[in-house]
Amino acid sequence: MKIEPLPPRLYRDAITLWRVTGLTRPWNDPETDLRTAMAGPASTVLAGIDDRTLVATAMVGHDGHRGWVYYLAVEPSRQAGGLGRQMMRACEQWVRARGISKMQLMVRTENQAVIDFYATLGYTDAKVVVLGRRLDERTT
């Protein structure tokens, strides 16, 4: 698998992969998330490509202090084969190359399988509570 910034020809495939793997929510527009990440100097979407086919993604960025990962997805038929681990290592390298020494991510508390996956990579519960508030007209 080759890892590179997501080429525009694969944007639709990335959004489909995010939907298939359960990463999207009705109140977030994945296309807007993708285009915002690709347009910003502090973020990108990395693509895992095998034989010109998208098999994995990870949105990565930083706020100047911490790196963040979102939309880590692996094609379901290719899961448990090490691609998620490769994508996370690529995200860590991307963040390190920008002088950032801390990586964070959020996982829904009920998603124990994903929490266990990140634990195998050395990620631990940071013992923080993530608070949020919608700043747009949507109420969900």
N, C-alpha and C. Protein backbone atom coordinates (compact mmCIF):
# COMPACT_ATOMS: atom_id res chain seq x y z
N MET A 1 0.84 -1.17 0.00
CA MET A 1 0.00 0.00 0.00
C MET A 1 0.89 1.24 0.00
N LYS A 2 0.56 2.17 -0.86
CA LYS A 2 1.23 3.45 -0.93
C LYS A 2 0.39 4.47 -0.16
N ILE A 3 1.04 5.32 0.64
CA ILE A 3 0.33 6.35 1.40
C ILE A 3 0.74 7.71 0.88
N GLU A 4 -0.26 8.52 0.53
CA GLU A 4 -0.02 9.85 -0.03
C GLU A 4 -1.23 10.73 0.28
N PRO A 5 -1.10 12.05 0.10
CA PRO A 5 -2.29 12.89 0.24
C PRO A 5 -3.38 12.43 -0.72
N LEU A 6 -4.60 12.46 -0.25
CA LEU A 6 -5.73 11.97 -1.03
C LEU A 6 -5.87 12.76 -2.33
N PRO A 7 -5.78 12.09 -3.48
CA PRO A 7 -5.96 12.80 -4.75
C PRO A 7 -7.44 13.10 -4.98
N PRO A 8 -7.74 14.24 -5.62
CA PRO A 8 -9.14 14.61 -5.86
C PRO A 8 -9.97 13.52 -6.53
N ARG A 9 -9.37 12.70 -7.38
CA ARG A 9 -10.12 11.66 -8.06
C ARG A 9 -10.69 10.62 -7.09
N LEU A 10 -10.17 10.60 -5.84
CA LEU A 10 -10.63 9.62 -4.86
C LEU A 10 -11.47 10.23 -3.73
N TYR A 11 -11.83 11.50 -3.84
CA TYR A 11 -12.64 12.14 -2.80
C TYR A 11 -13.95 11.38 -2.56
N ARG A 12 -14.68 11.07 -3.63
CA ARG A 12 -15.96 10.36 -3.48
C ARG A 12 -15.74 8.99 -2.84
N ASP A 13 -14.66 8.32 -3.23
CA ASP A 13 -14.37 7.00 -2.65
C ASP A 13 -14.08 7.11 -1.16
N ALA A 14 -13.39 8.17 -0.75
CA ALA A 14 -13.10 8.37 0.67
C ALA A 14 -14.40 8.55 1.46
N ILE A 15 -15.28 9.38 0.95
CA ILE A 15 -16.55 9.63 1.64
C ILE A 15 -17.37 8.34 1.71
N THR A 16 -17.36 7.57 0.65
CA THR A 16 -18.06 6.27 0.66
C THR A 16 -17.45 5.35 1.72
N LEU A 17 -16.13 5.30 1.79
CA LEU A 17 -15.45 4.47 2.79
C LEU A 17 -15.82 4.91 4.20
N TRP A 18 -15.86 6.21 4.43
CA TRP A 18 -16.23 6.71 5.76
C TRP A 18 -17.65 6.30 6.12
N ARG A 19 -18.54 6.33 5.14
CA ARG A 19 -19.93 5.93 5.41
C ARG A 19 -20.02 4.43 5.68
N VAL A 20 -19.34 3.63 4.86
CA VAL A 20 -19.37 2.18 5.00
C VAL A 20 -18.81 1.74 6.35
N THR A 21 -17.82 2.45 6.85
CA THR A 21 -17.19 2.07 8.12
C THR A 21 -17.82 2.76 9.33
N GLY A 22 -18.92 3.48 9.12
CA GLY A 22 -19.67 4.06 10.23
C GLY A 22 -19.07 5.30 10.85
N LEU A 23 -18.24 6.01 10.12
CA LEU A 23 -17.59 7.20 10.68
C LEU A 23 -18.38 8.49 10.52
N THR A 24 -19.36 8.49 9.66
CA THR A 24 -20.11 9.73 9.42
C THR A 24 -21.29 9.83 10.38
N ARG A 25 -21.71 11.06 10.59
CA ARG A 25 -22.89 11.35 11.40
C ARG A 25 -23.75 12.34 10.63
N PRO A 26 -25.07 12.29 10.80
CA PRO A 26 -25.96 13.16 10.03
C PRO A 26 -25.66 14.65 10.18
N TRP A 27 -25.14 15.05 11.29
CA TRP A 27 -24.89 16.47 11.54
C TRP A 27 -23.53 16.95 11.03
N ASN A 28 -22.71 16.08 10.52
CA ASN A 28 -21.42 16.46 9.93
C ASN A 28 -21.45 16.13 8.45
N ASP A 29 -21.06 17.07 7.63
CA ASP A 29 -20.97 16.83 6.19
C ASP A 29 -19.56 16.35 5.88
N PRO A 30 -19.38 15.08 5.53
CA PRO A 30 -18.04 14.56 5.30
C PRO A 30 -17.33 15.25 4.13
N GLU A 31 -18.07 15.68 3.12
CA GLU A 31 -17.42 16.36 2.00
C GLU A 31 -16.83 17.70 2.45
N THR A 32 -17.57 18.43 3.27
CA THR A 32 -17.05 19.69 3.80
C THR A 32 -15.82 19.43 4.66
N ASP A 33 -15.89 18.41 5.53
CA ASP A 33 -14.73 18.05 6.36
C ASP A 33 -13.51 17.75 5.49
N LEU A 34 -13.72 16.95 4.45
CA LEU A 34 -12.62 16.56 3.56
C LEU A 34 -12.03 17.78 2.86
N ARG A 35 -12.87 18.58 2.25
CA ARG A 35 -12.37 19.74 1.49
C ARG A 35 -11.69 20.76 2.41
N THR A 36 -12.20 20.94 3.61
CA THR A 36 -11.57 21.85 4.57
C THR A 36 -10.18 21.35 4.94
N ALA A 37 -10.09 20.05 5.23
CA ALA A 37 -8.79 19.47 5.59
C ALA A 37 -7.78 19.58 4.46
N MET A 38 -8.23 19.34 3.24
CA MET A 38 -7.32 19.38 2.10
C MET A 38 -6.90 20.80 1.75
N ALA A 39 -7.69 21.79 2.12
CA ALA A 39 -7.38 23.18 1.77
C ALA A 39 -6.50 23.86 2.81
N GLY A 40 -6.43 23.32 4.00
CA GLY A 40 -5.71 23.99 5.08
C GLY A 40 -4.23 23.64 5.13
N PRO A 41 -3.41 24.58 5.56
CA PRO A 41 -1.97 24.30 5.66
C PRO A 41 -1.62 23.40 6.85
N ALA A 42 -2.55 23.25 7.81
CA ALA A 42 -2.26 22.47 9.00
C ALA A 42 -3.02 21.14 9.02
N SER A 43 -3.46 20.68 7.84
CA SER A 43 -4.20 19.43 7.79
C SER A 43 -4.16 18.83 6.40
N THR A 44 -4.47 17.55 6.35
CA THR A 44 -4.59 16.83 5.07
C THR A 44 -5.39 15.56 5.31
N VAL A 45 -5.72 14.87 4.26
CA VAL A 45 -6.27 13.53 4.35
C VAL A 45 -5.28 12.63 3.64
N LEU A 46 -4.78 11.66 4.36
CA LEU A 46 -3.86 10.69 3.78
C LEU A 46 -4.66 9.53 3.21
N ALA A 47 -4.21 9.03 2.09
CA ALA A 47 -4.87 7.92 1.41
C ALA A 47 -3.94 6.72 1.35
N GLY A 48 -4.48 5.56 1.69
CA GLY A 48 -3.78 4.31 1.48
C GLY A 48 -4.29 3.74 0.17
N ILE A 49 -3.41 3.67 -0.81
CA ILE A 49 -3.81 3.26 -2.16
C ILE A 49 -3.08 1.98 -2.54
N ASP A 50 -3.85 1.01 -3.01
CA ASP A 50 -3.30 -0.25 -3.46
C ASP A 50 -3.83 -0.49 -4.87
N ASP A 51 -2.94 -0.52 -5.83
CA ASP A 51 -3.32 -0.75 -7.22
C ASP A 51 -4.39 0.25 -7.68
N ARG A 52 -4.14 1.54 -7.41
CA ARG A 52 -5.00 2.67 -7.77
C ARG A 52 -6.36 2.68 -7.07
N THR A 53 -6.54 1.78 -6.10
CA THR A 53 -7.79 1.68 -5.36
C THR A 53 -7.59 2.18 -3.95
N LEU A 54 -8.51 3.01 -3.47
CA LEU A 54 -8.44 3.51 -2.10
C LEU A 54 -8.81 2.39 -1.14
N VAL A 55 -7.91 2.08 -0.21
CA VAL A 55 -8.19 1.02 0.76
C VAL A 55 -8.16 1.54 2.20
N ALA A 56 -7.67 2.78 2.41
CA ALA A 56 -7.61 3.33 3.77
C ALA A 56 -7.48 4.85 3.69
N THR A 57 -7.94 5.51 4.76
CA THR A 57 -7.80 6.96 4.86
C THR A 57 -7.49 7.34 6.30
N ALA A 58 -6.97 8.53 6.46
CA ALA A 58 -6.84 9.15 7.79
C ALA A 58 -6.73 10.65 7.57
N MET A 59 -7.59 11.40 8.26
CA MET A 59 -7.48 12.85 8.25
C MET A 59 -6.54 13.21 9.40
N VAL A 60 -5.55 14.02 9.11
CA VAL A 60 -4.57 14.39 10.12
C VAL A 60 -4.34 15.89 10.08
N GLY A 61 -4.12 16.46 11.23
CA GLY A 61 -3.87 17.89 11.31
C GLY A 61 -3.27 18.23 12.65
N HIS A 62 -3.03 19.52 12.85
CA HIS A 62 -2.52 19.96 14.15
C HIS A 62 -3.01 21.36 14.46
N ASP A 63 -2.99 21.68 15.74
CA ASP A 63 -3.42 23.01 16.19
C ASP A 63 -2.23 23.85 16.64
N GLY A 64 -1.02 23.40 16.32
CA GLY A 64 0.19 24.10 16.74
C GLY A 64 0.80 23.49 17.98
N HIS A 65 0.03 22.71 18.70
CA HIS A 65 0.51 22.06 19.93
C HIS A 65 0.28 20.55 19.89
N ARG A 66 -0.88 20.14 19.38
CA ARG A 66 -1.24 18.73 19.34
C ARG A 66 -1.61 18.32 17.92
N GLY A 67 -1.23 17.11 17.58
CA GLY A 67 -1.71 16.52 16.35
C GLY A 67 -3.03 15.81 16.62
N TRP A 68 -3.88 15.76 15.61
CA TRP A 68 -5.18 15.11 15.73
C TRP A 68 -5.41 14.20 14.53
N VAL A 69 -6.09 13.09 14.78
CA VAL A 69 -6.44 12.15 13.72
C VAL A 69 -7.95 11.95 13.73
N TYR A 70 -8.54 11.98 12.54
CA TYR A 70 -9.96 11.73 12.34
C TYR A 70 -10.11 10.83 11.12
N TYR A 71 -11.26 10.26 10.97
CA TYR A 71 -11.62 9.49 9.77
C TYR A 71 -10.58 8.42 9.41
N LEU A 72 -9.98 7.77 10.42
CA LEU A 72 -9.15 6.61 10.11
C LEU A 72 -10.10 5.50 9.70
N ALA A 73 -9.97 5.06 8.47
CA ALA A 73 -10.86 4.03 7.95
C ALA A 73 -10.07 3.07 7.08
N VAL A 74 -10.42 1.81 7.18
CA VAL A 74 -9.83 0.77 6.34
C VAL A 74 -10.98 0.00 5.70
N GLU A 75 -10.86 -0.23 4.40
CA GLU A 75 -11.84 -1.01 3.66
C GLU A 75 -12.15 -2.28 4.48
N PRO A 76 -13.43 -2.54 4.79
CA PRO A 76 -13.77 -3.67 5.66
C PRO A 76 -13.13 -5.00 5.27
N SER A 77 -13.03 -5.30 4.01
CA SER A 77 -12.43 -6.58 3.59
C SER A 77 -10.93 -6.62 3.84
N ARG A 78 -10.32 -5.47 4.14
CA ARG A 78 -8.87 -5.40 4.37
C ARG A 78 -8.52 -5.13 5.84
N GLN A 79 -9.53 -5.06 6.71
CA GLN A 79 -9.26 -4.79 8.12
C GLN A 79 -8.54 -5.96 8.78
N ALA A 80 -7.80 -5.65 9.84
CA ALA A 80 -7.02 -6.62 10.61
C ALA A 80 -5.81 -7.12 9.84
N GLY A 81 -5.39 -6.37 8.83
CA GLY A 81 -4.21 -6.74 8.06
C GLY A 81 -3.05 -5.77 8.21
N GLY A 82 -3.15 -4.86 9.16
CA GLY A 82 -2.05 -3.94 9.42
C GLY A 82 -2.16 -2.58 8.73
N LEU A 83 -3.19 -2.38 7.91
CA LEU A 83 -3.30 -1.11 7.18
C LEU A 83 -3.61 0.06 8.12
N GLY A 84 -4.45 -0.16 9.12
CA GLY A 84 -4.74 0.89 10.09
C GLY A 84 -3.48 1.32 10.83
N ARG A 85 -2.67 0.35 11.19
CA ARG A 85 -1.40 0.63 11.87
C ARG A 85 -0.49 1.45 10.95
N GLN A 86 -0.42 1.08 9.68
CA GLN A 86 0.41 1.84 8.73
C GLN A 86 -0.09 3.27 8.57
N MET A 87 -1.40 3.43 8.51
CA MET A 87 -1.97 4.77 8.37
C MET A 87 -1.66 5.62 9.60
N MET A 88 -1.76 5.04 10.79
CA MET A 88 -1.46 5.79 12.01
C MET A 88 0.01 6.18 12.05
N ARG A 89 0.88 5.31 11.63
CA ARG A 89 2.32 5.65 11.60
C ARG A 89 2.56 6.79 10.61
N ALA A 90 1.88 6.77 9.49
CA ALA A 90 2.02 7.86 8.51
C ALA A 90 1.50 9.18 9.11
N CYS A 91 0.42 9.12 9.86
CA CYS A 91 -0.10 10.32 10.52
C CYS A 91 0.90 10.85 11.55
N GLU A 92 1.48 9.95 12.32
CA GLU A 92 2.47 10.36 13.30
C GLU A 92 3.68 11.01 12.63
N GLN A 93 4.12 10.46 11.52
CA GLN A 93 5.24 11.04 10.78
C GLN A 93 4.87 12.42 10.24
N TRP A 94 3.66 12.57 9.72
CA TRP A 94 3.20 13.84 9.18
C TRP A 94 3.24 14.91 10.28
N VAL A 95 2.75 14.56 11.46
CA VAL A 95 2.72 15.50 12.58
C VAL A 95 4.13 15.82 13.06
N ARG A 96 4.96 14.80 13.23
CA ARG A 96 6.35 15.02 13.66
C ARG A 96 7.10 15.94 12.70
N ALA A 97 6.86 15.77 11.41
CA ALA A 97 7.55 16.59 10.40
C ALA A 97 7.19 18.07 10.53
N ARG A 98 6.13 18.36 11.26
CA ARG A 98 5.71 19.75 11.47
C ARG A 98 6.06 20.25 12.86
N GLY A 99 6.92 19.51 13.55
CA GLY A 99 7.41 19.92 14.87
C GLY A 99 6.45 19.70 16.01
N ILE A 100 5.46 18.86 15.81
CA ILE A 100 4.46 18.59 16.84
C ILE A 100 4.83 17.25 17.51
N SER A 101 4.81 17.24 18.84
CA SER A 101 5.28 16.04 19.53
C SER A 101 4.19 15.28 20.29
N LYS A 102 2.95 15.65 20.10
CA LYS A 102 1.86 14.95 20.78
C LYS A 102 0.74 14.67 19.78
N MET A 103 0.23 13.44 19.83
CA MET A 103 -0.86 13.05 18.94
C MET A 103 -2.06 12.68 19.79
N GLN A 104 -3.24 13.13 19.35
CA GLN A 104 -4.48 12.82 20.05
C GLN A 104 -5.55 12.40 19.05
N LEU A 105 -6.55 11.73 19.56
CA LEU A 105 -7.69 11.34 18.76
C LEU A 105 -8.86 11.11 19.68
N MET A 106 -10.04 11.10 19.12
CA MET A 106 -11.24 10.84 19.90
C MET A 106 -11.91 9.58 19.37
N VAL A 107 -12.38 8.77 20.30
CA VAL A 107 -13.10 7.54 19.96
C VAL A 107 -14.37 7.54 20.79
N ARG A 108 -15.47 7.19 20.17
CA ARG A 108 -16.72 7.09 20.93
C ARG A 108 -16.57 6.03 22.02
N THR A 109 -17.04 6.34 23.21
CA THR A 109 -16.83 5.47 24.36
C THR A 109 -17.36 4.06 24.16
N GLU A 110 -18.40 3.91 23.35
CA GLU A 110 -18.97 2.57 23.15
C GLU A 110 -18.20 1.73 22.13
N ASN A 111 -17.20 2.30 21.51
CA ASN A 111 -16.47 1.61 20.45
C ASN A 111 -15.22 0.92 21.01
N GLN A 112 -15.43 -0.09 21.84
CA GLN A 112 -14.32 -0.74 22.54
C GLN A 112 -13.32 -1.39 21.58
N ALA A 113 -13.77 -1.93 20.48
CA ALA A 113 -12.84 -2.56 19.53
C ALA A 113 -11.83 -1.55 19.01
N VAL A 114 -12.29 -0.34 18.72
CA VAL A 114 -11.38 0.70 18.22
C VAL A 114 -10.47 1.20 19.34
N ILE A 115 -11.01 1.34 20.54
CA ILE A 115 -10.17 1.72 21.68
C ILE A 115 -9.06 0.69 21.87
N ASP A 116 -9.41 -0.58 21.78
CA ASP A 116 -8.41 -1.66 21.90
C ASP A 116 -7.36 -1.58 20.79
N PHE A 117 -7.79 -1.27 19.56
CA PHE A 117 -6.85 -1.12 18.46
C PHE A 117 -5.82 -0.03 18.78
N TYR A 118 -6.29 1.14 19.19
CA TYR A 118 -5.36 2.23 19.50
C TYR A 118 -4.46 1.89 20.68
N ALA A 119 -4.97 1.13 21.64
CA ALA A 119 -4.14 0.71 22.78
C ALA A 119 -2.96 -0.13 22.30
N THR A 120 -3.17 -0.96 21.28
CA THR A 120 -2.05 -1.77 20.77
C THR A 120 -0.97 -0.90 20.13
N LEU A 121 -1.35 0.34 19.75
CA LEU A 121 -0.38 1.26 19.15
C LEU A 121 0.26 2.17 20.20
N GLY A 122 -0.10 1.98 21.47
CA GLY A 122 0.48 2.78 22.54
C GLY A 122 -0.33 3.98 22.96
N TYR A 123 -1.54 4.13 22.45
CA TYR A 123 -2.40 5.24 22.84
C TYR A 123 -3.13 4.88 24.13
N THR A 124 -3.23 5.84 25.04
CA THR A 124 -3.87 5.62 26.32
C THR A 124 -4.95 6.67 26.57
N ASP A 125 -5.83 6.35 27.49
CA ASP A 125 -6.88 7.29 27.89
C ASP A 125 -6.20 8.50 28.54
N ALA A 126 -6.42 9.68 27.97
CA ALA A 126 -5.78 10.90 28.46
C ALA A 126 -6.51 11.48 29.67
N LYS A 127 -7.57 10.84 30.10
CA LYS A 127 -8.34 11.27 31.28
C LYS A 127 -8.79 12.72 31.15
N VAL A 128 -9.34 13.04 29.98
CA VAL A 128 -9.94 14.36 29.75
C VAL A 128 -11.36 14.16 29.26
N VAL A 129 -12.16 15.17 29.43
CA VAL A 129 -13.52 15.16 28.92
C VAL A 129 -13.55 16.12 27.74
N VAL A 130 -14.07 15.66 26.63
CA VAL A 130 -14.20 16.52 25.45
C VAL A 130 -15.58 17.16 25.51
N LEU A 131 -15.61 18.46 25.53
CA LEU A 131 -16.86 19.21 25.53
C LEU A 131 -17.06 19.84 24.17
N GLY A 132 -18.27 20.02 23.77
CA GLY A 132 -18.53 20.61 22.45
C GLY A 132 -19.82 21.41 22.45
N ARG A 133 -19.90 22.29 21.49
CA ARG A 133 -21.10 23.09 21.28
C ARG A 133 -21.19 23.43 19.83
N ARG A 134 -22.34 23.22 19.24
CA ARG A 134 -22.57 23.57 17.83
C ARG A 134 -22.66 25.07 17.71
N LEU A 135 -21.99 25.63 16.73
CA LEU A 135 -22.00 27.07 16.51
C LEU A 135 -22.77 27.46 15.26
N ASP A 136 -23.46 26.51 14.68
CA ASP A 136 -24.27 26.80 13.51
C ASP A 136 -25.75 26.64 13.87
N GLU A 137 -26.60 26.68 12.91
CA GLU A 137 -28.04 26.63 13.12
C GLU A 137 -28.56 25.24 13.49
N ARG A 138 -27.77 24.22 13.21
CA ARG A 138 -28.22 22.85 13.46
C ARG A 138 -28.36 22.61 14.96
N THR A 139 -29.36 21.86 15.34
CA THR A 139 -29.60 21.61 16.76
C THR A 139 -29.26 20.20 17.19
N THR A 140 -28.87 19.34 16.29
CA THR A 140 -28.58 17.95 16.63
C THR A 140 -27.23 17.80 17.25
